Amino acid sequence: MNQADKQRQVENAMRLAPVIPVVVIEDARVAVPMARALVAGGTPAIEVTLRTAAALDAVRAIAAEVEGAVVGVGTVLGEADLRAAHAAGARFAVSPGATARLLDAAEDVPLPLLPGAATASEAMALLERGYRHLKFFPAVPAGGARLLAAWAGPLPQLRFCPTGGIGVGSAGDFLALPNVLCVGGSWLTPADRLKAGDWAGVEALAREAAALRRSAAA
């Protein structure tokens, strides 16, 4: 699969809902009911971060058992992570930044990558390598919606998924920008609700997120 095809797949995932839930799963047994609640609430693209030992088992379970879910893997740092995510059934990968070795590996692995950028120089370097869809991370500490708005003029080719420090109250500031397709957020799957098995509560948070409005120009 060439880079253009991979970018189309990433874009399709980014356009499924205004918010991609960013999930930390400590117990793989919660993955399927959690994902079903997120899909039912209207947020089918789900990023499971590689921050726990349960992450890849969770991805396998979601990919195999949850109809309508488009499961991705986050916190991808190198080739081993990319290959493991692809083998687990992930549909996309997300990285907090981008190194030459990671990008070289991404050319050899079929899994589409959404790489992270926090500066205009990083975004330009990724554009040179064919990436037109980027994660803006950490969104709020790096400059927030004002910084992304400033990039829209000189970098009109790029579309972003800002992630990091965003909540339901601030997501709209990002989604109003013409260069933002979606935001990443951890508020849809708080640890206490996962531990309690509060799937109705997760679905309600997903519905609230899915109802957020995106810029018509995005």
N, C-alpha and C. Protein backbone atom coordinates (compact mmCIF):
# COMPACT_ATOMS: atom_id res chain seq x y z
N MET A 1 0.85 -1.20 0.00
CA MET A 1 0.00 0.00 0.00
C MET A 1 0.89 1.25 0.00
N ASN A 2 0.62 2.17 -0.93
CA ASN A 2 1.44 3.37 -1.00
C ASN A 2 0.98 4.41 0.02
N GLN A 3 1.78 5.47 0.14
CA GLN A 3 1.49 6.48 1.16
C GLN A 3 0.16 7.17 0.91
N ALA A 4 -0.18 7.43 -0.35
CA ALA A 4 -1.44 8.10 -0.65
C ALA A 4 -2.62 7.26 -0.17
N ASP A 5 -2.55 5.96 -0.40
CA ASP A 5 -3.63 5.07 0.05
C ASP A 5 -3.71 5.04 1.57
N LYS A 6 -2.54 4.99 2.22
CA LYS A 6 -2.53 5.00 3.68
C LYS A 6 -3.13 6.30 4.23
N GLN A 7 -2.81 7.42 3.59
CA GLN A 7 -3.35 8.69 4.04
C GLN A 7 -4.86 8.76 3.88
N ARG A 8 -5.38 8.15 2.83
CA ARG A 8 -6.84 8.10 2.66
C ARG A 8 -7.48 7.28 3.78
N GLN A 9 -6.85 6.19 4.17
CA GLN A 9 -7.40 5.38 5.25
C GLN A 9 -7.37 6.15 6.57
N VAL A 10 -6.29 6.86 6.82
CA VAL A 10 -6.22 7.67 8.03
C VAL A 10 -7.30 8.74 8.02
N GLU A 11 -7.45 9.40 6.89
CA GLU A 11 -8.48 10.44 6.79
C GLU A 11 -9.87 9.87 7.04
N ASN A 12 -10.15 8.70 6.47
CA ASN A 12 -11.46 8.08 6.68
C ASN A 12 -11.71 7.84 8.17
N ALA A 13 -10.70 7.36 8.89
CA ALA A 13 -10.86 7.14 10.32
C ALA A 13 -11.08 8.46 11.06
N MET A 14 -10.36 9.50 10.66
CA MET A 14 -10.48 10.81 11.31
C MET A 14 -11.84 11.44 11.09
N ARG A 15 -12.48 11.10 10.00
CA ARG A 15 -13.77 11.71 9.67
C ARG A 15 -14.97 10.93 10.23
N LEU A 16 -14.73 9.82 10.90
CA LEU A 16 -15.84 9.02 11.40
C LEU A 16 -16.62 9.73 12.51
N ALA A 17 -15.94 10.54 13.30
CA ALA A 17 -16.58 11.26 14.40
C ALA A 17 -15.72 12.44 14.78
N PRO A 18 -16.28 13.44 15.46
CA PRO A 18 -15.48 14.59 15.87
C PRO A 18 -14.39 14.25 16.88
N VAL A 19 -14.57 13.14 17.60
CA VAL A 19 -13.61 12.76 18.64
C VAL A 19 -13.18 11.31 18.46
N ILE A 20 -11.87 11.08 18.53
CA ILE A 20 -11.33 9.73 18.62
C ILE A 20 -11.01 9.46 20.09
N PRO A 21 -11.70 8.53 20.72
CA PRO A 21 -11.37 8.21 22.11
C PRO A 21 -9.95 7.66 22.22
N VAL A 22 -9.19 8.20 23.15
CA VAL A 22 -7.84 7.73 23.42
C VAL A 22 -7.90 6.94 24.72
N VAL A 23 -7.66 5.64 24.63
CA VAL A 23 -8.01 4.73 25.71
C VAL A 23 -6.77 4.08 26.32
N VAL A 24 -6.71 4.04 27.63
CA VAL A 24 -5.70 3.28 28.36
C VAL A 24 -6.43 2.11 29.02
N ILE A 25 -6.09 0.89 28.61
CA ILE A 25 -6.78 -0.30 29.10
C ILE A 25 -5.84 -1.12 29.97
N GLU A 26 -6.22 -1.27 31.22
CA GLU A 26 -5.42 -2.07 32.16
C GLU A 26 -5.85 -3.54 32.14
N ASP A 27 -7.09 -3.80 31.78
CA ASP A 27 -7.65 -5.15 31.80
C ASP A 27 -8.31 -5.40 30.45
N ALA A 28 -7.77 -6.32 29.66
CA ALA A 28 -8.28 -6.57 28.31
C ALA A 28 -9.73 -7.04 28.32
N ARG A 29 -10.22 -7.52 29.45
CA ARG A 29 -11.59 -8.01 29.50
C ARG A 29 -12.62 -6.90 29.34
N VAL A 30 -12.22 -5.65 29.58
CA VAL A 30 -13.17 -4.54 29.42
C VAL A 30 -13.19 -4.02 27.99
N ALA A 31 -12.29 -4.49 27.14
CA ALA A 31 -12.13 -3.90 25.82
C ALA A 31 -13.38 -4.01 24.96
N VAL A 32 -13.97 -5.20 24.92
CA VAL A 32 -15.12 -5.40 24.03
C VAL A 32 -16.35 -4.61 24.50
N PRO A 33 -16.78 -4.72 25.75
CA PRO A 33 -17.94 -3.90 26.14
C PRO A 33 -17.68 -2.40 26.05
N MET A 34 -16.45 -1.98 26.35
CA MET A 34 -16.12 -0.56 26.21
C MET A 34 -16.25 -0.11 24.77
N ALA A 35 -15.68 -0.88 23.85
CA ALA A 35 -15.72 -0.52 22.44
C ALA A 35 -17.15 -0.53 21.91
N ARG A 36 -17.94 -1.49 22.35
CA ARG A 36 -19.35 -1.51 21.91
C ARG A 36 -20.09 -0.27 22.39
N ALA A 37 -19.78 0.18 23.59
CA ALA A 37 -20.40 1.40 24.10
C ALA A 37 -19.97 2.62 23.30
N LEU A 38 -18.70 2.68 22.94
CA LEU A 38 -18.20 3.81 22.15
C LEU A 38 -18.82 3.81 20.75
N VAL A 39 -18.92 2.65 20.13
CA VAL A 39 -19.54 2.56 18.81
C VAL A 39 -21.01 2.95 18.89
N ALA A 40 -21.71 2.45 19.90
CA ALA A 40 -23.13 2.78 20.06
C ALA A 40 -23.33 4.28 20.28
N GLY A 41 -22.35 4.91 20.94
CA GLY A 41 -22.45 6.34 21.18
C GLY A 41 -22.04 7.20 20.01
N GLY A 42 -21.51 6.59 18.94
CA GLY A 42 -21.18 7.34 17.74
C GLY A 42 -19.73 7.73 17.58
N THR A 43 -18.83 7.06 18.32
CA THR A 43 -17.40 7.33 18.18
C THR A 43 -16.68 6.02 17.86
N PRO A 44 -16.77 5.54 16.62
CA PRO A 44 -16.28 4.20 16.27
C PRO A 44 -14.78 4.08 16.08
N ALA A 45 -14.07 5.18 15.80
CA ALA A 45 -12.61 5.12 15.69
C ALA A 45 -12.03 5.22 17.10
N ILE A 46 -11.30 4.20 17.51
CA ILE A 46 -10.84 4.08 18.89
C ILE A 46 -9.33 3.86 18.91
N GLU A 47 -8.63 4.71 19.64
CA GLU A 47 -7.17 4.57 19.78
C GLU A 47 -6.84 3.93 21.12
N VAL A 48 -6.31 2.72 21.07
CA VAL A 48 -5.87 2.03 22.27
C VAL A 48 -4.37 2.27 22.42
N THR A 49 -3.96 2.91 23.48
CA THR A 49 -2.56 3.27 23.63
C THR A 49 -1.73 2.10 24.12
N LEU A 50 -0.49 2.04 23.63
CA LEU A 50 0.43 0.98 24.05
C LEU A 50 1.13 1.35 25.35
N ARG A 51 0.35 1.67 26.35
CA ARG A 51 0.91 2.07 27.64
C ARG A 51 0.75 0.99 28.69
N THR A 52 0.08 -0.10 28.34
CA THR A 52 -0.14 -1.18 29.30
C THR A 52 0.12 -2.51 28.63
N ALA A 53 0.32 -3.52 29.45
CA ALA A 53 0.55 -4.87 28.93
C ALA A 53 -0.69 -5.45 28.27
N ALA A 54 -1.86 -4.90 28.60
CA ALA A 54 -3.11 -5.43 28.07
C ALA A 54 -3.49 -4.84 26.71
N ALA A 55 -2.74 -3.86 26.24
CA ALA A 55 -3.17 -3.10 25.07
C ALA A 55 -3.37 -3.95 23.82
N LEU A 56 -2.39 -4.76 23.46
CA LEU A 56 -2.51 -5.52 22.22
C LEU A 56 -3.59 -6.59 22.30
N ASP A 57 -3.77 -7.20 23.48
CA ASP A 57 -4.88 -8.14 23.64
C ASP A 57 -6.21 -7.42 23.48
N ALA A 58 -6.29 -6.21 23.98
CA ALA A 58 -7.51 -5.42 23.83
C ALA A 58 -7.79 -5.12 22.36
N VAL A 59 -6.75 -4.76 21.62
CA VAL A 59 -6.92 -4.47 20.19
C VAL A 59 -7.40 -5.72 19.46
N ARG A 60 -6.81 -6.86 19.76
CA ARG A 60 -7.23 -8.11 19.11
C ARG A 60 -8.70 -8.39 19.36
N ALA A 61 -9.12 -8.21 20.59
CA ALA A 61 -10.50 -8.49 20.95
C ALA A 61 -11.47 -7.53 20.25
N ILE A 62 -11.13 -6.25 20.23
CA ILE A 62 -12.00 -5.27 19.57
C ILE A 62 -12.08 -5.55 18.08
N ALA A 63 -10.94 -5.81 17.46
CA ALA A 63 -10.92 -6.07 16.02
C ALA A 63 -11.74 -7.29 15.66
N ALA A 64 -11.73 -8.30 16.52
CA ALA A 64 -12.41 -9.56 16.21
C ALA A 64 -13.89 -9.56 16.57
N GLU A 65 -14.27 -8.76 17.58
CA GLU A 65 -15.59 -8.95 18.16
C GLU A 65 -16.53 -7.75 18.10
N VAL A 66 -16.03 -6.57 17.77
CA VAL A 66 -16.88 -5.38 17.85
C VAL A 66 -17.20 -4.86 16.46
N GLU A 67 -18.40 -5.14 16.02
CA GLU A 67 -18.83 -4.68 14.70
C GLU A 67 -18.90 -3.15 14.67
N GLY A 68 -18.36 -2.57 13.61
CA GLY A 68 -18.40 -1.13 13.45
C GLY A 68 -17.23 -0.38 14.05
N ALA A 69 -16.42 -1.07 14.86
CA ALA A 69 -15.27 -0.40 15.46
C ALA A 69 -14.12 -0.32 14.47
N VAL A 70 -13.43 0.81 14.45
CA VAL A 70 -12.20 0.99 13.69
C VAL A 70 -11.11 1.23 14.72
N VAL A 71 -10.44 0.15 15.09
CA VAL A 71 -9.53 0.24 16.22
C VAL A 71 -8.11 0.56 15.74
N GLY A 72 -7.50 1.50 16.43
CA GLY A 72 -6.13 1.88 16.16
C GLY A 72 -5.27 1.71 17.40
N VAL A 73 -3.98 1.86 17.22
CA VAL A 73 -3.03 1.72 18.31
C VAL A 73 -2.25 3.02 18.47
N GLY A 74 -2.20 3.53 19.68
CA GLY A 74 -1.46 4.76 19.95
C GLY A 74 -0.17 4.51 20.70
N THR A 75 0.60 5.57 20.89
CA THR A 75 1.90 5.52 21.54
C THR A 75 2.83 4.56 20.80
N VAL A 76 2.78 4.60 19.48
CA VAL A 76 3.67 3.79 18.65
C VAL A 76 5.00 4.52 18.53
N LEU A 77 6.08 3.84 18.91
CA LEU A 77 7.38 4.48 18.98
C LEU A 77 8.40 3.95 17.98
N GLY A 78 8.14 2.80 17.36
CA GLY A 78 9.12 2.24 16.45
C GLY A 78 8.56 1.09 15.65
N GLU A 79 9.43 0.44 14.90
CA GLU A 79 9.01 -0.62 13.99
C GLU A 79 8.34 -1.78 14.73
N ALA A 80 8.87 -2.17 15.87
CA ALA A 80 8.27 -3.29 16.60
C ALA A 80 6.83 -2.99 16.99
N ASP A 81 6.58 -1.76 17.41
CA ASP A 81 5.21 -1.38 17.76
C ASP A 81 4.30 -1.42 16.54
N LEU A 82 4.79 -0.91 15.41
CA LEU A 82 3.99 -0.91 14.19
C LEU A 82 3.62 -2.34 13.78
N ARG A 83 4.59 -3.21 13.79
CA ARG A 83 4.34 -4.59 13.35
C ARG A 83 3.41 -5.31 14.33
N ALA A 84 3.60 -5.08 15.62
CA ALA A 84 2.72 -5.71 16.60
C ALA A 84 1.29 -5.21 16.46
N ALA A 85 1.14 -3.91 16.22
CA ALA A 85 -0.20 -3.34 16.04
C ALA A 85 -0.89 -3.91 14.81
N HIS A 86 -0.14 -4.02 13.73
CA HIS A 86 -0.69 -4.58 12.50
C HIS A 86 -1.11 -6.02 12.70
N ALA A 87 -0.26 -6.80 13.36
CA ALA A 87 -0.57 -8.21 13.60
C ALA A 87 -1.79 -8.37 14.50
N ALA A 88 -2.02 -7.42 15.39
CA ALA A 88 -3.15 -7.49 16.31
C ALA A 88 -4.47 -7.12 15.66
N GLY A 89 -4.42 -6.58 14.45
CA GLY A 89 -5.64 -6.21 13.76
C GLY A 89 -5.98 -4.74 13.77
N ALA A 90 -5.03 -3.90 14.19
CA ALA A 90 -5.28 -2.46 14.18
C ALA A 90 -5.47 -1.96 12.76
N ARG A 91 -6.27 -0.92 12.63
CA ARG A 91 -6.54 -0.31 11.32
C ARG A 91 -5.71 0.94 11.08
N PHE A 92 -5.17 1.51 12.14
CA PHE A 92 -4.29 2.67 12.01
C PHE A 92 -3.40 2.73 13.24
N ALA A 93 -2.30 3.47 13.13
CA ALA A 93 -1.37 3.66 14.23
C ALA A 93 -1.17 5.15 14.46
N VAL A 94 -0.90 5.51 15.71
CA VAL A 94 -0.71 6.91 16.08
C VAL A 94 0.57 7.01 16.90
N SER A 95 1.40 8.01 16.57
CA SER A 95 2.64 8.21 17.32
C SER A 95 2.64 9.61 17.94
N PRO A 96 3.29 9.79 19.10
CA PRO A 96 3.35 11.11 19.72
C PRO A 96 4.26 12.09 18.99
N GLY A 97 5.18 11.55 18.19
CA GLY A 97 6.10 12.35 17.41
C GLY A 97 6.51 11.56 16.18
N ALA A 98 7.62 11.91 15.60
CA ALA A 98 8.08 11.18 14.41
C ALA A 98 9.59 11.23 14.34
N THR A 99 10.21 10.07 14.19
CA THR A 99 11.65 9.99 13.97
C THR A 99 11.90 9.40 12.59
N ALA A 100 13.09 9.58 12.08
CA ALA A 100 13.41 9.03 10.76
C ALA A 100 13.25 7.52 10.75
N ARG A 101 13.67 6.86 11.83
CA ARG A 101 13.57 5.40 11.88
C ARG A 101 12.11 4.95 11.90
N LEU A 102 11.27 5.64 12.63
CA LEU A 102 9.85 5.29 12.66
C LEU A 102 9.22 5.47 11.28
N LEU A 103 9.52 6.58 10.62
CA LEU A 103 8.94 6.84 9.31
C LEU A 103 9.46 5.87 8.26
N ASP A 104 10.74 5.49 8.37
CA ASP A 104 11.27 4.48 7.46
C ASP A 104 10.54 3.15 7.65
N ALA A 105 10.31 2.78 8.91
CA ALA A 105 9.60 1.54 9.20
C ALA A 105 8.17 1.60 8.67
N ALA A 106 7.54 2.76 8.78
CA ALA A 106 6.15 2.90 8.34
C ALA A 106 6.01 2.70 6.83
N GLU A 107 7.10 2.91 6.09
CA GLU A 107 7.04 2.67 4.65
C GLU A 107 6.97 1.18 4.33
N ASP A 108 7.46 0.35 5.24
CA ASP A 108 7.53 -1.10 5.01
C ASP A 108 6.38 -1.87 5.65
N VAL A 109 5.61 -1.22 6.50
CA VAL A 109 4.51 -1.88 7.20
C VAL A 109 3.20 -1.38 6.61
N PRO A 110 2.24 -2.26 6.31
CA PRO A 110 1.01 -1.83 5.66
C PRO A 110 0.12 -0.93 6.51
N LEU A 111 0.37 -0.87 7.80
CA LEU A 111 -0.50 -0.12 8.70
C LEU A 111 -0.34 1.39 8.50
N PRO A 112 -1.43 2.12 8.23
CA PRO A 112 -1.35 3.57 8.08
C PRO A 112 -0.95 4.24 9.40
N LEU A 113 -0.14 5.28 9.30
CA LEU A 113 0.38 5.97 10.48
C LEU A 113 -0.11 7.41 10.52
N LEU A 114 -0.54 7.83 11.70
CA LEU A 114 -0.85 9.23 11.99
C LEU A 114 0.26 9.74 12.90
N PRO A 115 1.28 10.39 12.34
CA PRO A 115 2.42 10.80 13.16
C PRO A 115 2.17 12.12 13.87
N GLY A 116 2.88 12.31 14.97
CA GLY A 116 2.70 13.52 15.75
C GLY A 116 3.67 14.62 15.38
N ALA A 117 3.20 15.86 15.53
CA ALA A 117 4.03 17.05 15.32
C ALA A 117 3.61 18.11 16.32
N ALA A 118 4.59 18.88 16.79
CA ALA A 118 4.31 19.95 17.73
C ALA A 118 4.81 21.30 17.26
N THR A 119 5.56 21.32 16.13
CA THR A 119 6.09 22.56 15.60
C THR A 119 5.85 22.62 14.09
N ALA A 120 5.95 23.82 13.53
CA ALA A 120 5.79 23.97 12.09
C ALA A 120 6.88 23.22 11.34
N SER A 121 8.10 23.22 11.87
CA SER A 121 9.19 22.50 11.21
C SER A 121 8.92 21.00 11.16
N GLU A 122 8.42 20.45 12.26
CA GLU A 122 8.08 19.02 12.27
C GLU A 122 6.96 18.72 11.28
N ALA A 123 5.96 19.59 11.22
CA ALA A 123 4.87 19.40 10.28
C ALA A 123 5.36 19.46 8.84
N MET A 124 6.26 20.40 8.55
CA MET A 124 6.81 20.51 7.20
C MET A 124 7.62 19.28 6.82
N ALA A 125 8.40 18.76 7.76
CA ALA A 125 9.20 17.56 7.50
C ALA A 125 8.30 16.37 7.17
N LEU A 126 7.19 16.25 7.87
CA LEU A 126 6.25 15.17 7.59
C LEU A 126 5.55 15.36 6.26
N LEU A 127 5.25 16.60 5.93
CA LEU A 127 4.64 16.89 4.63
C LEU A 127 5.58 16.47 3.50
N GLU A 128 6.88 16.70 3.68
CA GLU A 128 7.86 16.31 2.66
C GLU A 128 7.86 14.80 2.43
N ARG A 129 7.48 14.04 3.45
CA ARG A 129 7.46 12.58 3.34
C ARG A 129 6.08 12.04 2.96
N GLY A 130 5.18 12.94 2.59
CA GLY A 130 3.88 12.51 2.08
C GLY A 130 2.77 12.45 3.09
N TYR A 131 3.03 12.90 4.30
CA TYR A 131 1.99 12.88 5.33
C TYR A 131 1.18 14.18 5.28
N ARG A 132 -0.11 14.04 5.10
CA ARG A 132 -1.00 15.20 5.07
C ARG A 132 -1.98 15.20 6.25
N HIS A 133 -1.95 14.15 7.03
CA HIS A 133 -2.81 14.03 8.21
C HIS A 133 -1.92 13.75 9.41
N LEU A 134 -1.94 14.66 10.37
CA LEU A 134 -1.01 14.61 11.50
C LEU A 134 -1.75 14.71 12.82
N LYS A 135 -1.12 14.16 13.83
CA LYS A 135 -1.55 14.39 15.20
C LYS A 135 -0.82 15.63 15.72
N PHE A 136 -1.53 16.57 16.29
CA PHE A 136 -0.91 17.73 16.92
C PHE A 136 -0.83 17.44 18.41
N PHE A 137 0.39 17.22 18.91
CA PHE A 137 0.57 16.76 20.28
C PHE A 137 1.83 17.34 20.89
N PRO A 138 1.77 17.72 22.17
CA PRO A 138 0.59 17.81 23.04
C PRO A 138 -0.16 19.10 22.75
N ALA A 139 -1.40 19.00 22.37
CA ALA A 139 -2.12 20.11 21.76
C ALA A 139 -2.16 21.37 22.63
N VAL A 140 -2.62 21.24 23.84
CA VAL A 140 -2.78 22.43 24.68
C VAL A 140 -1.42 22.97 25.13
N PRO A 141 -0.51 22.16 25.68
CA PRO A 141 0.79 22.70 26.07
C PRO A 141 1.60 23.27 24.90
N ALA A 142 1.41 22.73 23.70
CA ALA A 142 2.21 23.16 22.55
C ALA A 142 1.74 24.47 21.95
N GLY A 143 0.57 24.94 22.33
CA GLY A 143 0.09 26.21 21.78
C GLY A 143 -1.39 26.27 21.51
N GLY A 144 -2.05 25.13 21.61
CA GLY A 144 -3.50 25.10 21.53
C GLY A 144 -4.07 25.49 20.18
N ALA A 145 -5.34 25.86 20.20
CA ALA A 145 -6.07 26.17 18.98
C ALA A 145 -5.49 27.39 18.26
N ARG A 146 -4.94 28.33 19.01
CA ARG A 146 -4.37 29.53 18.37
C ARG A 146 -3.18 29.18 17.49
N LEU A 147 -2.37 28.23 17.93
CA LEU A 147 -1.22 27.83 17.12
C LEU A 147 -1.68 27.11 15.85
N LEU A 148 -2.62 26.18 15.98
CA LEU A 148 -3.12 25.48 14.80
C LEU A 148 -3.78 26.44 13.82
N ALA A 149 -4.49 27.43 14.34
CA ALA A 149 -5.11 28.43 13.46
C ALA A 149 -4.05 29.19 12.67
N ALA A 150 -2.92 29.46 13.31
CA ALA A 150 -1.84 30.18 12.63
C ALA A 150 -1.21 29.32 11.54
N TRP A 151 -1.21 28.00 11.70
CA TRP A 151 -0.63 27.12 10.69
C TRP A 151 -1.53 26.97 9.46
N ALA A 152 -2.81 27.25 9.59
CA ALA A 152 -3.75 27.00 8.50
C ALA A 152 -3.39 27.77 7.23
N GLY A 153 -2.86 28.98 7.39
CA GLY A 153 -2.50 29.78 6.21
C GLY A 153 -1.29 29.24 5.47
N PRO A 154 -0.13 29.10 6.13
CA PRO A 154 1.07 28.66 5.42
C PRO A 154 1.12 27.15 5.14
N LEU A 155 0.29 26.36 5.83
CA LEU A 155 0.31 24.91 5.65
C LEU A 155 -1.11 24.41 5.33
N PRO A 156 -1.69 24.89 4.24
CA PRO A 156 -3.09 24.56 3.96
C PRO A 156 -3.30 23.10 3.56
N GLN A 157 -2.21 22.38 3.23
CA GLN A 157 -2.34 20.98 2.79
C GLN A 157 -2.61 20.04 3.96
N LEU A 158 -2.35 20.48 5.18
CA LEU A 158 -2.35 19.58 6.32
C LEU A 158 -3.68 19.61 7.09
N ARG A 159 -4.05 18.44 7.60
CA ARG A 159 -5.21 18.31 8.47
C ARG A 159 -4.75 17.60 9.75
N PHE A 160 -5.34 18.00 10.87
CA PHE A 160 -4.83 17.58 12.17
C PHE A 160 -5.88 16.91 13.04
N CYS A 161 -5.35 16.08 13.94
CA CYS A 161 -6.10 15.55 15.08
C CYS A 161 -5.38 16.01 16.34
N PRO A 162 -5.73 17.17 16.88
CA PRO A 162 -5.07 17.63 18.10
C PRO A 162 -5.45 16.75 19.28
N THR A 163 -4.45 16.42 20.10
CA THR A 163 -4.63 15.53 21.24
C THR A 163 -3.71 15.98 22.36
N GLY A 164 -4.22 15.95 23.57
CA GLY A 164 -3.39 16.31 24.72
C GLY A 164 -3.93 17.52 25.45
N GLY A 165 -4.58 17.28 26.56
CA GLY A 165 -5.11 18.37 27.36
C GLY A 165 -6.47 18.87 26.92
N ILE A 166 -7.11 18.18 25.98
CA ILE A 166 -8.41 18.61 25.46
C ILE A 166 -9.53 17.90 26.20
N GLY A 167 -10.57 18.64 26.55
CA GLY A 167 -11.76 18.07 27.17
C GLY A 167 -12.99 18.47 26.39
N VAL A 168 -14.14 18.02 26.85
CA VAL A 168 -15.37 18.31 26.11
C VAL A 168 -15.62 19.82 26.03
N GLY A 169 -15.16 20.56 27.03
CA GLY A 169 -15.40 22.00 27.03
C GLY A 169 -14.52 22.77 26.08
N SER A 170 -13.34 22.24 25.76
CA SER A 170 -12.41 22.94 24.87
C SER A 170 -12.33 22.34 23.47
N ALA A 171 -12.92 21.17 23.27
CA ALA A 171 -12.83 20.51 21.97
C ALA A 171 -13.39 21.38 20.84
N GLY A 172 -14.44 22.11 21.13
CA GLY A 172 -15.06 22.94 20.10
C GLY A 172 -14.14 24.01 19.55
N ASP A 173 -13.22 24.52 20.37
CA ASP A 173 -12.27 25.53 19.90
C ASP A 173 -11.40 24.97 18.78
N PHE A 174 -11.02 23.71 18.91
CA PHE A 174 -10.20 23.05 17.88
C PHE A 174 -11.05 22.65 16.67
N LEU A 175 -12.23 22.09 16.94
CA LEU A 175 -13.07 21.59 15.85
C LEU A 175 -13.58 22.71 14.95
N ALA A 176 -13.56 23.93 15.45
CA ALA A 176 -13.99 25.08 14.64
C ALA A 176 -12.96 25.48 13.59
N LEU A 177 -11.74 24.95 13.69
CA LEU A 177 -10.67 25.34 12.77
C LEU A 177 -10.79 24.59 11.45
N PRO A 178 -10.44 25.23 10.34
CA PRO A 178 -10.57 24.59 9.03
C PRO A 178 -9.57 23.47 8.79
N ASN A 179 -8.50 23.42 9.59
CA ASN A 179 -7.49 22.37 9.39
C ASN A 179 -7.58 21.26 10.43
N VAL A 180 -8.68 21.17 11.14
CA VAL A 180 -8.88 20.12 12.14
C VAL A 180 -10.03 19.22 11.72
N LEU A 181 -9.75 17.92 11.61
CA LEU A 181 -10.79 16.96 11.25
C LEU A 181 -11.44 16.34 12.48
N CYS A 182 -10.68 16.20 13.55
CA CYS A 182 -11.19 15.59 14.78
C CYS A 182 -10.22 15.92 15.89
N VAL A 183 -10.59 15.58 17.10
CA VAL A 183 -9.68 15.70 18.23
C VAL A 183 -9.57 14.33 18.89
N GLY A 184 -8.47 14.13 19.61
CA GLY A 184 -8.32 12.92 20.42
C GLY A 184 -8.60 13.27 21.86
N GLY A 185 -9.34 12.40 22.55
CA GLY A 185 -9.69 12.71 23.93
C GLY A 185 -9.79 11.49 24.81
N SER A 186 -9.27 11.61 26.02
CA SER A 186 -9.34 10.51 26.98
C SER A 186 -10.54 10.62 27.90
N TRP A 187 -11.29 11.71 27.80
CA TRP A 187 -12.37 11.91 28.75
C TRP A 187 -13.56 10.98 28.50
N LEU A 188 -13.62 10.32 27.35
CA LEU A 188 -14.75 9.43 27.06
C LEU A 188 -14.68 8.12 27.84
N THR A 189 -13.47 7.73 28.25
CA THR A 189 -13.30 6.44 28.92
C THR A 189 -12.51 6.61 30.22
N PRO A 190 -13.06 7.32 31.18
CA PRO A 190 -12.33 7.52 32.45
C PRO A 190 -12.12 6.19 33.16
N ALA A 191 -11.00 6.09 33.85
CA ALA A 191 -10.60 4.83 34.47
C ALA A 191 -11.65 4.31 35.44
N ASP A 192 -12.33 5.21 36.16
CA ASP A 192 -13.31 4.73 37.15
C ASP A 192 -14.50 4.08 36.47
N ARG A 193 -14.88 4.59 35.30
CA ARG A 193 -16.03 3.98 34.60
C ARG A 193 -15.64 2.63 33.99
N LEU A 194 -14.42 2.54 33.49
CA LEU A 194 -13.98 1.24 32.97
C LEU A 194 -13.92 0.22 34.10
N LYS A 195 -13.38 0.60 35.23
CA LYS A 195 -13.26 -0.32 36.35
C LYS A 195 -14.62 -0.76 36.85
N ALA A 196 -15.59 0.16 36.84
CA ALA A 196 -16.94 -0.15 37.34
C ALA A 196 -17.80 -0.85 36.30
N GLY A 197 -17.32 -0.91 35.05
CA GLY A 197 -18.16 -1.49 34.00
C GLY A 197 -19.36 -0.63 33.68
N ASP A 198 -19.21 0.67 33.80
CA ASP A 198 -20.32 1.61 33.55
C ASP A 198 -20.40 1.90 32.05
N TRP A 199 -20.92 0.95 31.29
CA TRP A 199 -20.93 1.10 29.84
C TRP A 199 -21.99 2.09 29.38
N ALA A 200 -23.07 2.20 30.13
CA ALA A 200 -24.07 3.23 29.81
C ALA A 200 -23.47 4.62 29.97
N GLY A 201 -22.63 4.78 30.99
CA GLY A 201 -21.97 6.06 31.19
C GLY A 201 -20.98 6.37 30.09
N VAL A 202 -20.23 5.37 29.65
CA VAL A 202 -19.30 5.55 28.53
C VAL A 202 -20.05 5.90 27.26
N GLU A 203 -21.14 5.21 27.01
CA GLU A 203 -21.94 5.51 25.81
C GLU A 203 -22.47 6.93 25.86
N ALA A 204 -22.90 7.39 27.04
CA ALA A 204 -23.41 8.76 27.16
C ALA A 204 -22.32 9.79 26.86
N LEU A 205 -21.11 9.53 27.35
CA LEU A 205 -19.99 10.43 27.06
C LEU A 205 -19.67 10.43 25.57
N ALA A 206 -19.77 9.24 24.95
CA ALA A 206 -19.51 9.15 23.51
C ALA A 206 -20.56 9.91 22.72
N ARG A 207 -21.81 9.81 23.13
CA ARG A 207 -22.87 10.54 22.42
C ARG A 207 -22.65 12.05 22.52
N GLU A 208 -22.24 12.50 23.69
CA GLU A 208 -21.96 13.93 23.86
C GLU A 208 -20.83 14.36 22.94
N ALA A 209 -19.80 13.53 22.84
CA ALA A 209 -18.66 13.85 21.97
C ALA A 209 -19.06 13.81 20.50
N ALA A 210 -19.86 12.83 20.13
CA ALA A 210 -20.26 12.69 18.73
C ALA A 210 -21.13 13.85 18.27
N ALA A 211 -21.76 14.53 19.21
CA ALA A 211 -22.64 15.65 18.88
C ALA A 211 -21.89 16.96 18.69
N LEU A 212 -20.59 16.97 18.99
CA LEU A 212 -19.80 18.19 18.78
C LEU A 212 -19.74 18.52 17.30
N ARG A 213 -19.71 19.78 16.98
CA ARG A 213 -19.77 20.20 15.58
C ARG A 213 -18.38 20.52 15.07
N ARG A 214 -18.14 20.10 13.83
CA ARG A 214 -16.86 20.35 13.17
C ARG A 214 -17.01 21.48 12.16
N SER A 215 -15.88 22.12 11.85
CA SER A 215 -15.88 23.16 10.83
C SER A 215 -16.28 22.58 9.48
N ALA A 216 -17.14 23.29 8.77
CA ALA A 216 -17.56 22.81 7.45
C ALA A 216 -16.41 22.79 6.46
N ALA A 217 -15.34 23.55 6.75
CA ALA A 217 -14.20 23.63 5.83
C ALA A 217 -13.19 22.52 6.07
N ALA A 218 -13.34 21.76 7.15
CA ALA A 218 -12.32 20.76 7.52
C ALA A 218 -12.18 19.68 6.48
